[in-house]
Amino acid sequence: MKTAEIKPAPGHGTLCPKCGAGQLVTRMVSKGEKAGMVFLGCNNWRPNDPNSCGNTIWPTTASSAKDDASKGRACPKCGVGSMKERLVKKGEKAGTTFFSCSNWRPNDETSCGHAEWPKLPAPEYKPRAPRPRW
């Protein structure tokens, strides 16, 4: 697997505050909802080793601050979940963002399916020029 060049995040190379033995190194998520996001992880972490250090630190960025502003509002339908910004990946609306309840689960009829689409500006009305009467 080819690894991508990752710019070191603030705190890269510092001593791990959890185990005190490892150093924090910059890593990137390769799969899932957080794919492409950068975080700091202890270099003493080993897969399938419960005794290794699994400390991770997610740096605060402008994009995560934006996400935090959109979160927190309770779902108006179920009241259990909070509204989460999502991106349409396929189809006619691909690339469009919308908000849906965090309590939604695929193939589960008991989960909340509430979604809110951003209101698009109304098209500007342009009156037609009067037709000449001959």
N, C-alpha and C. Protein backbone atom coordinates (compact mmCIF):
# COMPACT_ATOMS: atom_id res chain seq x y z
N MET A 1 0.84 -1.18 0.00
CA MET A 1 0.00 0.00 0.00
C MET A 1 0.88 1.24 0.00
N LYS A 2 0.59 2.17 -0.86
CA LYS A 2 1.37 3.39 -0.98
C LYS A 2 0.90 4.39 0.07
N THR A 3 1.82 4.99 0.79
CA THR A 3 1.47 5.97 1.82
C THR A 3 1.58 7.36 1.24
N ALA A 4 0.69 8.23 1.68
CA ALA A 4 0.67 9.62 1.21
C ALA A 4 1.60 10.47 2.08
N GLU A 5 2.10 11.53 1.50
CA GLU A 5 2.89 12.49 2.26
C GLU A 5 1.94 13.28 3.15
N ILE A 6 2.21 13.30 4.43
CA ILE A 6 1.37 14.00 5.39
C ILE A 6 2.18 15.11 6.05
N LYS A 7 1.64 16.31 6.03
CA LYS A 7 2.29 17.44 6.69
C LYS A 7 2.15 17.25 8.20
N PRO A 8 3.25 17.35 8.96
CA PRO A 8 3.18 17.14 10.41
C PRO A 8 2.21 18.11 11.09
N ALA A 9 1.35 17.58 11.92
CA ALA A 9 0.38 18.38 12.68
C ALA A 9 1.08 18.99 13.89
N PRO A 10 0.53 20.09 14.43
CA PRO A 10 1.11 20.67 15.65
C PRO A 10 1.12 19.63 16.78
N GLY A 11 2.27 19.43 17.39
CA GLY A 11 2.43 18.44 18.46
C GLY A 11 3.15 17.18 17.99
N HIS A 12 3.43 17.09 16.69
CA HIS A 12 4.14 15.94 16.13
C HIS A 12 5.52 15.83 16.77
N GLY A 13 5.88 14.64 17.23
CA GLY A 13 7.20 14.42 17.83
C GLY A 13 7.27 14.65 19.33
N THR A 14 6.18 15.12 19.94
CA THR A 14 6.20 15.35 21.39
C THR A 14 5.94 14.03 22.13
N LEU A 15 6.29 14.00 23.39
CA LEU A 15 6.13 12.82 24.22
C LEU A 15 4.64 12.54 24.44
N CYS A 16 4.26 11.27 24.35
CA CYS A 16 2.86 10.88 24.54
C CYS A 16 2.46 11.14 25.99
N PRO A 17 1.38 11.92 26.22
CA PRO A 17 0.97 12.22 27.59
C PRO A 17 0.33 11.02 28.31
N LYS A 18 -0.09 10.00 27.57
CA LYS A 18 -0.75 8.85 28.20
C LYS A 18 0.25 7.82 28.70
N CYS A 19 1.16 7.35 27.82
CA CYS A 19 2.09 6.29 28.23
C CYS A 19 3.45 6.84 28.67
N GLY A 20 3.82 8.01 28.20
CA GLY A 20 5.10 8.62 28.58
C GLY A 20 6.31 8.00 27.91
N ALA A 21 6.13 6.98 27.10
CA ALA A 21 7.26 6.31 26.46
C ALA A 21 7.32 6.58 24.96
N GLY A 22 6.16 6.71 24.33
CA GLY A 22 6.12 6.91 22.88
C GLY A 22 6.08 8.38 22.50
N GLN A 23 6.15 8.61 21.20
CA GLN A 23 6.04 9.96 20.66
C GLN A 23 4.77 10.05 19.84
N LEU A 24 4.19 11.26 19.80
CA LEU A 24 3.01 11.48 18.98
C LEU A 24 3.46 11.69 17.54
N VAL A 25 2.85 10.93 16.62
CA VAL A 25 3.17 11.05 15.20
C VAL A 25 1.88 11.39 14.44
N THR A 26 2.04 12.10 13.33
CA THR A 26 0.90 12.51 12.51
C THR A 26 0.46 11.34 11.66
N ARG A 27 -0.84 11.07 11.69
CA ARG A 27 -1.42 9.98 10.91
C ARG A 27 -2.66 10.49 10.19
N MET A 28 -3.07 9.73 9.15
CA MET A 28 -4.25 10.11 8.39
C MET A 28 -5.23 8.94 8.33
N VAL A 29 -6.52 9.23 8.50
CA VAL A 29 -7.55 8.20 8.42
C VAL A 29 -7.71 7.82 6.95
N SER A 30 -7.72 6.52 6.66
CA SER A 30 -7.79 6.07 5.27
C SER A 30 -9.18 5.60 4.85
N LYS A 31 -10.04 5.25 5.80
CA LYS A 31 -11.36 4.73 5.45
C LYS A 31 -12.44 5.36 6.32
N GLY A 32 -13.67 5.26 5.85
CA GLY A 32 -14.81 5.67 6.65
C GLY A 32 -15.16 7.13 6.53
N GLU A 33 -16.01 7.57 7.46
CA GLU A 33 -16.54 8.93 7.44
C GLU A 33 -15.45 9.98 7.64
N LYS A 34 -14.40 9.66 8.38
CA LYS A 34 -13.32 10.61 8.66
C LYS A 34 -12.13 10.46 7.73
N ALA A 35 -12.31 9.76 6.60
CA ALA A 35 -11.21 9.53 5.66
C ALA A 35 -10.59 10.86 5.24
N GLY A 36 -9.27 10.92 5.27
CA GLY A 36 -8.53 12.12 4.90
C GLY A 36 -8.23 13.04 6.06
N MET A 37 -8.85 12.83 7.22
CA MET A 37 -8.60 13.68 8.38
C MET A 37 -7.28 13.28 9.03
N VAL A 38 -6.58 14.27 9.56
CA VAL A 38 -5.27 14.06 10.17
C VAL A 38 -5.42 14.10 11.69
N PHE A 39 -4.68 13.23 12.37
CA PHE A 39 -4.69 13.20 13.83
C PHE A 39 -3.30 12.81 14.33
N LEU A 40 -3.09 12.94 15.64
CA LEU A 40 -1.85 12.53 16.27
C LEU A 40 -2.10 11.23 17.01
N GLY A 41 -1.21 10.26 16.82
CA GLY A 41 -1.33 8.98 17.51
C GLY A 41 0.01 8.57 18.08
N CYS A 42 -0.03 7.84 19.18
CA CYS A 42 1.21 7.38 19.82
C CYS A 42 1.87 6.31 18.95
N ASN A 43 3.18 6.41 18.79
CA ASN A 43 3.88 5.42 17.96
C ASN A 43 4.10 4.10 18.71
N ASN A 44 3.65 4.00 19.96
CA ASN A 44 3.70 2.74 20.69
C ASN A 44 2.45 1.90 20.47
N TRP A 45 1.56 2.34 19.59
CA TRP A 45 0.34 1.58 19.30
C TRP A 45 0.67 0.43 18.36
N ARG A 46 0.16 -0.74 18.67
CA ARG A 46 0.34 -1.92 17.83
C ARG A 46 -1.03 -2.55 17.61
N PRO A 47 -1.36 -2.92 16.36
CA PRO A 47 -2.65 -3.56 16.11
C PRO A 47 -2.75 -4.90 16.86
N ASN A 48 -3.92 -5.18 17.35
CA ASN A 48 -4.21 -6.44 18.05
C ASN A 48 -3.38 -6.66 19.31
N ASP A 49 -2.87 -5.59 19.90
CA ASP A 49 -2.11 -5.70 21.15
C ASP A 49 -2.81 -4.85 22.20
N PRO A 50 -3.55 -5.46 23.13
CA PRO A 50 -4.29 -4.69 24.13
C PRO A 50 -3.39 -3.93 25.10
N ASN A 51 -2.11 -4.28 25.18
CA ASN A 51 -1.19 -3.60 26.10
C ASN A 51 -0.50 -2.39 25.47
N SER A 52 -0.70 -2.17 24.17
CA SER A 52 -0.04 -1.03 23.52
C SER A 52 -0.84 0.25 23.78
N CYS A 53 -0.19 1.38 23.61
CA CYS A 53 -0.81 2.68 23.85
C CYS A 53 -1.67 3.06 22.65
N GLY A 54 -2.93 3.37 22.87
CA GLY A 54 -3.83 3.76 21.79
C GLY A 54 -4.23 5.21 21.86
N ASN A 55 -3.37 6.05 22.45
CA ASN A 55 -3.69 7.46 22.60
C ASN A 55 -3.78 8.15 21.24
N THR A 56 -4.87 8.91 21.02
CA THR A 56 -5.03 9.73 19.82
C THR A 56 -5.48 11.11 20.22
N ILE A 57 -5.02 12.09 19.45
CA ILE A 57 -5.41 13.49 19.67
C ILE A 57 -5.86 14.04 18.33
N TRP A 58 -7.06 14.61 18.29
CA TRP A 58 -7.59 15.21 17.07
C TRP A 58 -7.38 16.71 17.13
N PRO A 59 -6.51 17.25 16.27
CA PRO A 59 -6.27 18.70 16.28
C PRO A 59 -7.53 19.47 15.89
N THR A 60 -7.72 20.62 16.51
CA THR A 60 -8.84 21.48 16.17
C THR A 60 -8.49 22.27 14.93
N THR A 61 -9.39 22.25 13.95
CA THR A 61 -9.19 22.99 12.70
C THR A 61 -10.40 23.84 12.44
N ALA A 62 -10.31 24.70 11.42
CA ALA A 62 -11.44 25.56 11.05
C ALA A 62 -12.62 24.71 10.59
N SER A 63 -12.36 23.61 9.87
CA SER A 63 -13.46 22.78 9.38
C SER A 63 -14.16 22.08 10.54
N SER A 64 -13.40 21.64 11.57
CA SER A 64 -14.06 20.99 12.69
C SER A 64 -14.84 22.00 13.51
N ALA A 65 -14.38 23.25 13.57
CA ALA A 65 -15.14 24.28 14.28
C ALA A 65 -16.46 24.53 13.56
N LYS A 66 -16.46 24.49 12.24
CA LYS A 66 -17.68 24.65 11.46
C LYS A 66 -18.63 23.50 11.76
N ASP A 67 -18.12 22.26 11.82
CA ASP A 67 -18.95 21.11 12.12
C ASP A 67 -19.56 21.23 13.51
N ASP A 68 -18.78 21.72 14.49
CA ASP A 68 -19.29 21.87 15.84
C ASP A 68 -20.43 22.87 15.89
N ALA A 69 -20.38 23.91 15.05
CA ALA A 69 -21.44 24.92 15.05
C ALA A 69 -22.74 24.33 14.53
N SER A 70 -22.66 23.39 13.58
CA SER A 70 -23.87 22.79 13.02
C SER A 70 -24.42 21.69 13.91
N LYS A 71 -23.61 21.16 14.80
CA LYS A 71 -24.05 20.10 15.70
C LYS A 71 -24.71 20.70 16.93
N GLY A 72 -25.32 19.84 17.70
CA GLY A 72 -25.84 20.29 18.98
C GLY A 72 -27.32 20.61 18.95
N ARG A 73 -27.86 20.97 17.79
CA ARG A 73 -29.28 21.28 17.71
C ARG A 73 -30.04 19.97 17.73
N ALA A 74 -30.96 19.84 18.66
CA ALA A 74 -31.72 18.59 18.79
C ALA A 74 -32.60 18.38 17.57
N CYS A 75 -32.80 17.13 17.23
CA CYS A 75 -33.67 16.77 16.11
C CYS A 75 -35.10 17.17 16.44
N PRO A 76 -35.78 17.93 15.57
CA PRO A 76 -37.14 18.35 15.86
C PRO A 76 -38.16 17.21 15.79
N LYS A 77 -37.80 16.10 15.16
CA LYS A 77 -38.75 14.98 15.02
C LYS A 77 -38.68 14.03 16.21
N CYS A 78 -37.48 13.51 16.52
CA CYS A 78 -37.38 12.51 17.59
C CYS A 78 -36.91 13.09 18.92
N GLY A 79 -36.15 14.19 18.89
CA GLY A 79 -35.65 14.81 20.11
C GLY A 79 -34.50 14.07 20.75
N VAL A 80 -34.12 12.90 20.22
CA VAL A 80 -33.04 12.09 20.78
C VAL A 80 -31.71 12.44 20.13
N GLY A 81 -31.69 12.43 18.80
CA GLY A 81 -30.46 12.71 18.06
C GLY A 81 -30.24 14.20 17.87
N SER A 82 -29.10 14.53 17.30
CA SER A 82 -28.80 15.92 16.96
C SER A 82 -28.63 16.01 15.45
N MET A 83 -28.81 17.20 14.91
CA MET A 83 -28.72 17.39 13.47
C MET A 83 -27.25 17.37 13.06
N LYS A 84 -26.95 16.58 12.02
CA LYS A 84 -25.58 16.38 11.56
C LYS A 84 -25.49 16.74 10.08
N GLU A 85 -24.44 17.47 9.70
CA GLU A 85 -24.25 17.84 8.30
C GLU A 85 -23.73 16.63 7.54
N ARG A 86 -24.36 16.33 6.41
CA ARG A 86 -23.96 15.20 5.58
C ARG A 86 -23.83 15.65 4.13
N LEU A 87 -23.17 14.81 3.33
CA LEU A 87 -22.91 15.12 1.93
C LEU A 87 -23.49 14.01 1.05
N VAL A 88 -24.24 14.41 0.02
CA VAL A 88 -24.77 13.44 -0.93
C VAL A 88 -23.62 12.99 -1.82
N LYS A 89 -23.42 11.67 -1.92
CA LYS A 89 -22.28 11.14 -2.67
C LYS A 89 -22.65 10.68 -4.07
N LYS A 90 -23.91 10.30 -4.30
CA LYS A 90 -24.31 9.75 -5.59
C LYS A 90 -25.57 10.45 -6.10
N GLY A 91 -25.79 10.29 -7.39
CA GLY A 91 -27.05 10.73 -7.98
C GLY A 91 -27.08 12.17 -8.40
N GLU A 92 -28.30 12.63 -8.65
CA GLU A 92 -28.54 13.96 -9.18
C GLU A 92 -28.07 15.07 -8.24
N LYS A 93 -28.14 14.83 -6.93
CA LYS A 93 -27.78 15.84 -5.93
C LYS A 93 -26.38 15.64 -5.37
N ALA A 94 -25.52 14.87 -6.04
CA ALA A 94 -24.16 14.60 -5.56
C ALA A 94 -23.42 15.91 -5.31
N GLY A 95 -22.75 15.99 -4.16
CA GLY A 95 -22.01 17.20 -3.79
C GLY A 95 -22.82 18.17 -2.96
N THR A 96 -24.12 17.93 -2.81
CA THR A 96 -24.99 18.81 -2.04
C THR A 96 -24.94 18.41 -0.56
N THR A 97 -24.91 19.39 0.32
CA THR A 97 -24.94 19.10 1.75
C THR A 97 -26.36 19.24 2.27
N PHE A 98 -26.66 18.48 3.30
CA PHE A 98 -27.95 18.55 3.97
C PHE A 98 -27.74 18.17 5.43
N PHE A 99 -28.77 18.36 6.25
CA PHE A 99 -28.70 17.99 7.66
C PHE A 99 -29.67 16.86 7.92
N SER A 100 -29.22 15.86 8.69
CA SER A 100 -30.11 14.76 9.07
C SER A 100 -29.83 14.37 10.52
N CYS A 101 -30.77 13.65 11.07
CA CYS A 101 -30.69 13.24 12.47
C CYS A 101 -29.56 12.23 12.67
N SER A 102 -28.79 12.40 13.73
CA SER A 102 -27.70 11.46 14.02
C SER A 102 -28.24 10.11 14.51
N ASN A 103 -29.55 10.04 14.78
CA ASN A 103 -30.18 8.81 15.24
C ASN A 103 -30.61 7.94 14.05
N TRP A 104 -30.27 8.31 12.82
CA TRP A 104 -30.63 7.52 11.64
C TRP A 104 -29.66 6.36 11.47
N ARG A 105 -30.21 5.20 11.16
CA ARG A 105 -29.41 4.01 10.87
C ARG A 105 -29.97 3.35 9.62
N PRO A 106 -29.11 2.93 8.70
CA PRO A 106 -29.62 2.31 7.48
C PRO A 106 -30.32 0.98 7.78
N ASN A 107 -31.36 0.71 7.04
CA ASN A 107 -32.13 -0.54 7.16
C ASN A 107 -32.72 -0.77 8.55
N ASP A 108 -33.05 0.31 9.25
CA ASP A 108 -33.66 0.21 10.57
C ASP A 108 -34.89 1.12 10.60
N GLU A 109 -36.07 0.53 10.57
CA GLU A 109 -37.30 1.31 10.51
C GLU A 109 -37.60 2.05 11.80
N THR A 110 -36.95 1.68 12.91
CA THR A 110 -37.20 2.37 14.18
C THR A 110 -36.33 3.61 14.35
N SER A 111 -35.35 3.80 13.46
CA SER A 111 -34.48 4.98 13.58
C SER A 111 -35.18 6.19 12.97
N CYS A 112 -34.66 7.37 13.30
CA CYS A 112 -35.24 8.63 12.84
C CYS A 112 -34.72 8.95 11.44
N GLY A 113 -35.60 9.29 10.54
CA GLY A 113 -35.20 9.60 9.17
C GLY A 113 -35.35 11.07 8.83
N HIS A 114 -35.40 11.94 9.84
CA HIS A 114 -35.61 13.38 9.58
C HIS A 114 -34.40 13.98 8.86
N ALA A 115 -34.68 14.75 7.82
CA ALA A 115 -33.63 15.44 7.07
C ALA A 115 -34.11 16.84 6.71
N GLU A 116 -33.17 17.77 6.64
CA GLU A 116 -33.47 19.15 6.24
C GLU A 116 -32.53 19.54 5.12
N TRP A 117 -33.10 20.01 4.03
CA TRP A 117 -32.31 20.45 2.88
C TRP A 117 -32.21 21.96 2.91
N PRO A 118 -31.06 22.51 2.56
CA PRO A 118 -30.93 23.98 2.55
C PRO A 118 -31.89 24.58 1.53
N LYS A 119 -32.44 25.71 1.90
CA LYS A 119 -33.37 26.38 0.99
C LYS A 119 -32.56 27.10 -0.08
N LEU A 120 -32.89 26.81 -1.32
CA LEU A 120 -32.23 27.46 -2.43
C LEU A 120 -32.91 28.80 -2.69
N PRO A 121 -32.14 29.80 -3.14
CA PRO A 121 -32.76 31.09 -3.42
C PRO A 121 -33.78 30.95 -4.55
N ALA A 122 -34.85 31.71 -4.42
CA ALA A 122 -35.89 31.68 -5.45
C ALA A 122 -35.33 32.25 -6.75
N PRO A 123 -35.73 31.70 -7.87
CA PRO A 123 -35.23 32.25 -9.13
C PRO A 123 -35.71 33.68 -9.31
N GLU A 124 -34.85 34.49 -9.87
CA GLU A 124 -35.16 35.90 -10.06
C GLU A 124 -36.20 36.04 -11.17
N TYR A 125 -37.25 36.80 -10.90
CA TYR A 125 -38.30 37.00 -11.88
C TYR A 125 -37.87 38.09 -12.85
N LYS A 126 -37.90 37.77 -14.12
CA LYS A 126 -37.56 38.75 -15.15
C LYS A 126 -38.77 38.90 -16.07
N PRO A 127 -39.42 40.04 -15.99
CA PRO A 127 -40.58 40.22 -16.86
C PRO A 127 -40.16 40.26 -18.33
N ARG A 128 -41.00 39.70 -19.16
CA ARG A 128 -40.70 39.72 -20.58
C ARG A 128 -41.01 41.10 -21.14
N ALA A 129 -40.26 41.46 -22.15
CA ALA A 129 -40.53 42.75 -22.82
C ALA A 129 -41.85 42.65 -23.56
N PRO A 130 -42.62 43.73 -23.54
CA PRO A 130 -43.91 43.68 -24.24
C PRO A 130 -43.69 43.47 -25.74
N ARG A 131 -44.60 42.73 -26.32
CA ARG A 131 -44.52 42.48 -27.76
C ARG A 131 -45.13 43.67 -28.49
N PRO A 132 -44.51 44.07 -29.56
CA PRO A 132 -45.08 45.23 -30.30
C PRO A 132 -46.41 44.84 -30.96
N ARG A 133 -47.31 45.78 -30.96
CA ARG A 133 -48.63 45.58 -31.61
C ARG A 133 -48.57 46.26 -32.96
N TRP A 134 -48.82 45.59 -34.01
CA TRP A 134 -48.75 46.15 -35.36
C TRP A 134 -50.07 46.53 -35.86
